[in-house]
Amino acid sequence: MSKRIGLPVTLKMRHDAHYVEQLTSFSGAAVGRMVPIGKIRPNPEQPRKFLGDISELCESIKEKGVLEPLLVRYMPREDTYHIISGERRYHAAREAGLKELPCIEKIADDAETLELALIENLQRKDLTPFEEADGLHRLAEQFAYTHEDIARKIAKARSSVTETLSLRLIPDAIRRQCVEHGIVSKSLLLQIARQPNEKKMAEALVRIIQGGLTRDEARRERRDEKSAGPRPQPFIFNFQPDNEAFRLRIQFRKSNVSRQELIYTLRAILESLEREAPSAASDPAVA
């Protein structure tokens, strides 16, 4: 029987300690091995889309080397290792000219790989709220996880998971504007996501940019809108003769129109038509 490589059975993951740190501190002996950098590949499912500035990390690696191992997954078909966590270290090490990197090999399927990558980035607070929302959405879509499942997997409250996933309600155009204006606070983004439609989201974004919409103000506005009830629907008058030769539809701005008001409106339309020049009245386009 081949020796299983992975998390020791006596070690459990906790959200308040870093995953790789727990692995490397499990025993006094060294964990992992050196892997040629040419056989290491970035994780195609990496939740974080932007690495940020790695220049300082690169300089540190040049001086002291890579102090914390990468967590990797062996891919037999490719004979390569996909990074589960440590992608910034990998790119900085490549830039620094290293030929091999310390790695811990973990046996994991696609779901666990994504879970671990999310956990690692969440603990380091490396993900933007949008990246976190997209990563959680992939767990839900690809592996049919419920919000409860995700909360249990990443050691967060279910309400926090639901809130984060709600950020995906923000349309791409508004999302891009949030990023461009540096709006990365989850609490502010939630005020946008909770608006009833895209127009209201855009208005909330403008007010946040101008510094005029706080979390409490947004909550108060939503409360007021709910207590006000639904907006009144406009009054519509439809008419069609028995021979169905035409249809007439008149829409009023207000919701209640009396019979007398309707008669007055129809008379006003007739008077307007009668005042028109005879040539226009006889025009087939007008008729």
Protein backbone atom coordinates (compact mmCIF):
# COMPACT_ATOMS: atom_id res chain seq x y z
CA MET A 1 0.00 0.00 0.00
CA SER A 2 1.38 3.41 -0.98
CA LYS A 3 2.03 5.89 1.77
CA ARG A 4 -0.69 8.58 1.98
CA ILE A 5 0.59 12.10 1.64
CA GLY A 6 -1.49 14.80 3.21
CA LEU A 7 -2.89 16.20 6.43
CA PRO A 8 -2.00 14.16 9.55
CA VAL A 9 -5.11 12.48 10.95
CA THR A 10 -4.66 14.08 14.36
CA LEU A 11 -4.52 17.59 12.94
CA LYS A 12 -7.74 19.55 12.38
CA MET A 13 -8.04 22.80 10.50
CA ARG A 14 -9.06 25.87 12.49
CA HIS A 15 -9.90 29.24 10.99
CA ASP A 16 -7.84 31.15 13.57
CA ALA A 17 -4.50 29.63 12.56
CA HIS A 18 -2.83 29.46 9.20
CA TYR A 19 -3.13 26.14 7.38
CA VAL A 20 0.50 25.80 6.26
CA GLU A 21 1.77 27.00 9.62
CA GLN A 22 -0.14 24.19 11.33
CA LEU A 23 1.30 21.64 8.94
CA THR A 24 4.87 22.79 9.37
CA SER A 25 4.62 23.04 13.16
CA PHE A 26 2.97 19.65 13.64
CA SER A 27 6.24 17.96 14.51
CA GLY A 28 9.84 18.89 15.08
CA ALA A 29 10.86 17.20 11.85
CA ALA A 30 10.98 18.96 8.50
CA VAL A 31 7.81 18.63 6.38
CA GLY A 32 7.70 18.54 2.59
CA ARG A 33 10.45 18.57 -0.02
CA MET A 34 12.11 20.75 -2.62
CA VAL A 35 10.39 20.73 -6.03
CA PRO A 36 11.91 22.12 -9.25
CA ILE A 37 10.16 25.41 -10.01
CA GLY A 38 9.65 24.31 -13.62
CA LYS A 39 7.31 21.54 -12.46
CA ILE A 40 5.10 23.90 -10.45
CA ARG A 41 2.02 25.49 -12.04
CA PRO A 42 -0.33 28.24 -10.78
CA ASN A 43 -3.76 27.07 -9.71
CA PRO A 44 -6.22 27.72 -12.59
CA GLU A 45 -9.02 28.01 -9.99
CA GLN A 46 -7.15 30.52 -7.83
CA PRO A 47 -9.80 32.77 -6.19
CA ARG A 48 -7.48 35.78 -6.17
CA LYS A 49 -7.25 37.40 -9.60
CA PHE A 50 -4.70 40.11 -8.83
CA LEU A 51 -1.35 39.36 -7.16
CA GLY A 52 -0.65 42.94 -6.21
CA ASP A 53 2.87 44.32 -5.79
CA ILE A 54 5.32 41.46 -5.17
CA SER A 55 8.52 43.51 -5.41
CA GLU A 56 9.15 43.54 -1.63
CA LEU A 57 8.43 39.81 -1.39
CA CYS A 58 10.85 39.21 -4.27
CA GLU A 59 13.61 41.14 -2.50
CA SER A 60 12.96 39.22 0.73
CA ILE A 61 13.21 35.89 -1.13
CA LYS A 62 16.47 36.95 -2.77
CA GLU A 63 17.90 37.69 0.67
CA LYS A 64 16.41 34.91 2.83
CA GLY A 65 14.80 32.41 0.47
CA VAL A 66 11.24 31.07 0.71
CA LEU A 67 10.60 30.61 4.43
CA GLU A 68 7.10 29.15 4.19
CA PRO A 69 6.45 26.11 1.96
CA LEU A 70 3.91 26.16 -0.83
CA LEU A 71 0.97 23.78 -0.55
CA VAL A 72 0.71 21.84 -3.82
CA ARG A 73 -1.29 19.09 -5.49
CA TYR A 74 0.37 16.55 -7.77
CA MET A 75 -1.22 16.14 -11.22
CA PRO A 76 -0.10 12.71 -12.58
CA ARG A 77 -1.25 13.27 -16.16
CA GLU A 78 0.86 16.40 -16.48
CA ASP A 79 3.61 15.28 -14.09
CA THR A 80 3.38 18.74 -12.51
CA TYR A 81 2.30 20.28 -9.22
CA HIS A 82 -0.62 22.74 -9.05
CA ILE A 83 -0.38 25.36 -6.35
CA ILE A 84 -3.11 25.25 -3.71
CA SER A 85 -1.65 28.10 -1.67
CA GLY A 86 1.44 30.23 -2.09
CA GLU A 87 1.01 31.70 -5.56
CA ARG A 88 2.56 35.07 -4.66
CA ARG A 89 5.60 33.27 -3.26
CA TYR A 90 5.83 31.24 -6.48
CA HIS A 91 5.77 34.29 -8.77
CA ALA A 92 8.18 36.23 -6.55
CA ALA A 93 10.54 33.24 -6.45
CA ARG A 94 10.49 32.95 -10.26
CA GLU A 95 11.28 36.64 -10.51
CA ALA A 96 14.09 36.20 -7.97
CA GLY A 97 15.60 33.42 -10.11
CA LEU A 98 15.10 30.43 -7.76
CA LYS A 99 15.35 26.98 -9.34
CA GLU A 100 13.37 25.02 -6.73
CA LEU A 101 10.88 25.70 -3.95
CA PRO A 102 9.96 24.05 -0.64
CA CYS A 103 6.55 22.38 -1.03
CA ILE A 104 4.09 20.31 0.95
CA GLU A 105 2.20 17.85 -1.21
CA LYS A 106 -1.49 17.45 -0.38
CA ILE A 107 -3.80 14.82 -1.85
CA ALA A 108 -6.97 16.75 -2.70
CA ASP A 109 -9.78 16.69 -5.23
CA ASP A 110 -11.02 19.76 -7.12
CA ALA A 111 -13.46 20.76 -4.38
CA GLU A 112 -10.92 20.52 -1.57
CA THR A 113 -8.33 22.37 -3.66
CA LEU A 114 -10.70 25.29 -4.07
CA GLU A 115 -11.67 25.16 -0.39
CA LEU A 116 -8.04 25.27 0.73
CA ALA A 117 -7.19 28.09 -1.66
CA LEU A 118 -10.14 30.09 -0.33
CA ILE A 119 -9.20 29.38 3.29
CA GLU A 120 -5.60 30.38 2.74
CA ASN A 121 -6.53 33.67 1.06
CA LEU A 122 -9.31 34.46 3.52
CA GLN A 123 -7.02 33.98 6.49
CA ARG A 124 -4.40 36.23 4.95
CA LYS A 125 -7.14 38.71 3.96
CA ASP A 126 -5.74 38.68 0.42
CA LEU A 127 -9.10 38.53 -1.38
CA THR A 128 -11.28 41.46 -2.32
CA PRO A 129 -14.98 41.06 -1.42
CA PHE A 130 -15.76 40.41 -5.10
CA GLU A 131 -13.06 37.72 -5.39
CA GLU A 132 -14.36 36.08 -2.23
CA ALA A 133 -17.92 36.15 -3.59
CA ASP A 134 -16.81 34.60 -6.89
CA GLY A 135 -14.86 31.88 -5.08
CA LEU A 136 -17.80 30.96 -2.85
CA HIS A 137 -20.07 30.98 -5.89
CA ARG A 138 -17.81 28.44 -7.62
CA LEU A 139 -18.08 26.16 -4.58
CA ALA A 140 -21.87 26.43 -4.72
CA GLU A 141 -22.14 25.95 -8.49
CA GLN A 142 -19.45 23.36 -9.19
CA PHE A 143 -20.01 21.18 -6.14
CA ALA A 144 -23.66 21.90 -5.26
CA TYR A 145 -22.74 23.23 -1.81
CA THR A 146 -25.43 24.98 0.22
CA HIS A 147 -24.63 28.12 2.20
CA GLU A 148 -24.47 25.93 5.31
CA ASP A 149 -21.98 23.60 3.58
CA ILE A 150 -19.75 26.50 2.55
CA ALA A 151 -19.89 28.06 6.03
CA ARG A 152 -18.81 24.77 7.57
CA LYS A 153 -16.03 24.23 5.04
CA ILE A 154 -14.41 27.66 5.46
CA ALA A 155 -15.25 28.10 9.16
CA LYS A 156 -17.42 31.18 8.78
CA ALA A 157 -20.95 32.02 9.87
CA ARG A 158 -23.68 31.11 7.38
CA SER A 159 -24.99 34.69 7.47
CA SER A 160 -21.53 35.94 6.45
CA VAL A 161 -21.48 33.51 3.50
CA THR A 162 -24.95 34.64 2.39
CA GLU A 163 -23.95 38.30 2.62
CA THR A 164 -20.79 37.73 0.61
CA LEU A 165 -22.63 35.82 -2.12
CA SER A 166 -25.17 38.64 -2.39
CA LEU A 167 -22.40 40.86 -3.83
CA ARG A 168 -22.79 38.89 -7.06
CA LEU A 169 -26.12 40.69 -7.53
CA ILE A 170 -24.14 43.82 -8.44
CA PRO A 171 -23.99 44.08 -12.26
CA ASP A 172 -20.55 43.96 -13.91
CA ALA A 173 -20.65 47.62 -15.00
CA ILE A 174 -21.28 48.82 -11.43
CA ARG A 175 -18.76 46.33 -10.09
CA ARG A 176 -16.08 47.82 -12.37
CA GLN A 177 -16.90 51.32 -11.14
CA CYS A 178 -16.58 50.15 -7.53
CA VAL A 179 -13.11 48.77 -8.27
CA GLU A 180 -12.07 51.90 -10.19
CA HIS A 181 -13.06 54.14 -7.27
CA GLY A 182 -11.40 51.91 -4.69
CA ILE A 183 -14.63 50.88 -2.96
CA VAL A 184 -13.50 47.63 -1.34
CA SER A 185 -15.32 47.81 2.00
CA LYS A 186 -17.71 44.88 2.24
CA SER A 187 -20.20 46.90 4.31
CA LEU A 188 -20.42 49.61 1.63
CA LEU A 189 -20.69 47.07 -1.18
CA LEU A 190 -23.53 45.37 0.66
CA GLN A 191 -25.46 48.66 0.69
CA ILE A 192 -25.22 48.66 -3.11
CA ALA A 193 -26.13 44.98 -3.48
CA ARG A 194 -29.24 45.40 -1.30
CA GLN A 195 -30.80 48.02 -3.56
CA PRO A 196 -33.94 46.80 -5.38
CA ASN A 197 -32.71 47.32 -8.96
CA GLU A 198 -29.72 48.35 -11.08
CA LYS A 199 -30.78 52.01 -11.25
CA LYS A 200 -30.93 52.25 -7.46
CA MET A 201 -27.56 50.48 -7.22
CA ALA A 202 -26.00 53.06 -9.55
CA GLU A 203 -27.51 55.90 -7.50
CA ALA A 204 -26.20 54.38 -4.26
CA LEU A 205 -22.74 54.05 -5.80
CA VAL A 206 -22.70 57.74 -6.79
CA ARG A 207 -23.69 58.76 -3.28
CA ILE A 208 -21.00 56.56 -1.74
CA ILE A 209 -18.38 58.06 -4.08
CA GLN A 210 -19.53 61.53 -3.05
CA GLY A 211 -19.43 60.52 0.61
CA GLY A 212 -23.16 60.96 1.12
CA LEU A 213 -24.42 57.45 1.89
CA THR A 214 -23.49 55.69 5.10
CA ARG A 215 -24.58 52.21 6.12
CA ASP A 216 -27.16 53.57 8.59
CA GLU A 217 -28.59 55.97 5.99
CA ALA A 218 -28.94 53.17 3.44
CA ARG A 219 -30.73 50.96 5.97
CA ARG A 220 -33.09 53.79 6.92
CA GLU A 221 -33.94 54.46 3.27
CA ARG A 222 -34.73 50.79 2.63
CA ARG A 223 -36.95 50.74 5.73
CA ASP A 224 -38.81 53.82 4.55
CA GLU A 225 -39.35 52.34 1.09
CA LYS A 226 -40.72 49.11 2.54
CA SER A 227 -43.06 50.92 4.94
CA ALA A 228 -44.33 53.13 2.11
CA GLY A 229 -45.61 50.05 0.29
CA PRO A 230 -45.63 49.45 -3.46
CA ARG A 231 -45.80 52.39 -5.83
CA PRO A 232 -49.29 53.10 -7.25
CA GLN A 233 -49.85 51.78 -10.76
CA PRO A 234 -50.94 54.21 -13.51
CA PHE A 235 -54.58 54.11 -14.66
CA ILE A 236 -54.97 52.62 -18.16
CA PHE A 237 -58.07 52.90 -20.37
CA ASN A 238 -58.40 50.33 -23.16
CA PHE A 239 -61.04 50.42 -25.89
CA GLN A 240 -61.69 48.15 -28.86
CA PRO A 241 -64.83 48.26 -31.05
CA ASP A 242 -66.84 45.14 -31.83
CA ASN A 243 -65.36 44.89 -35.32
CA GLU A 244 -61.84 45.05 -33.83
CA ALA A 245 -60.82 47.60 -36.46
CA PHE A 246 -58.57 49.40 -33.98
CA ARG A 247 -57.46 49.53 -30.38
CA LEU A 248 -57.27 52.62 -28.21
CA ARG A 249 -55.06 52.77 -25.10
CA ILE A 250 -54.71 55.81 -22.86
CA GLN A 251 -52.38 55.78 -19.86
CA PHE A 252 -52.69 58.35 -17.07
CA ARG A 253 -49.96 59.36 -14.65
CA LYS A 254 -52.20 58.92 -11.62
CA SER A 255 -53.72 55.66 -10.45
CA ASN A 256 -57.34 56.79 -9.99
CA VAL A 257 -59.32 58.43 -12.82
CA SER A 258 -63.07 59.13 -12.61
CA ARG A 259 -65.52 58.47 -15.44
CA GLN A 260 -65.99 62.22 -15.87
CA GLU A 261 -62.23 62.76 -16.17
CA LEU A 262 -62.05 60.03 -18.79
CA ILE A 263 -64.86 61.64 -20.85
CA TYR A 264 -63.15 65.02 -20.57
CA THR A 265 -59.87 63.50 -21.79
CA LEU A 266 -61.52 61.83 -24.80
CA ARG A 267 -63.27 65.09 -25.72
CA ALA A 268 -59.97 66.94 -25.50
CA ILE A 269 -58.44 64.42 -27.91
CA LEU A 270 -61.37 64.91 -30.35
CA GLU A 271 -61.11 68.68 -30.16
CA SER A 272 -57.39 68.50 -30.83
CA LEU A 273 -57.96 66.33 -33.91
CA GLU A 274 -60.73 68.61 -35.20
CA ARG A 275 -58.44 71.65 -34.91
CA GLU A 276 -55.89 70.06 -37.21
CA ALA A 277 -55.71 71.12 -40.87
CA PRO A 278 -58.01 69.16 -43.22
CA SER A 279 -55.03 67.93 -45.25
CA ALA A 280 -53.54 66.33 -42.15
CA ALA A 281 -56.88 64.82 -41.16
CA SER A 282 -57.26 63.24 -44.60
CA ASP A 283 -53.74 61.86 -44.58
CA PRO A 284 -53.91 58.03 -44.41
CA ALA A 285 -50.96 58.05 -42.01
CA VAL A 286 -53.00 60.10 -39.56
CA ALA A 287 -56.13 57.99 -40.05
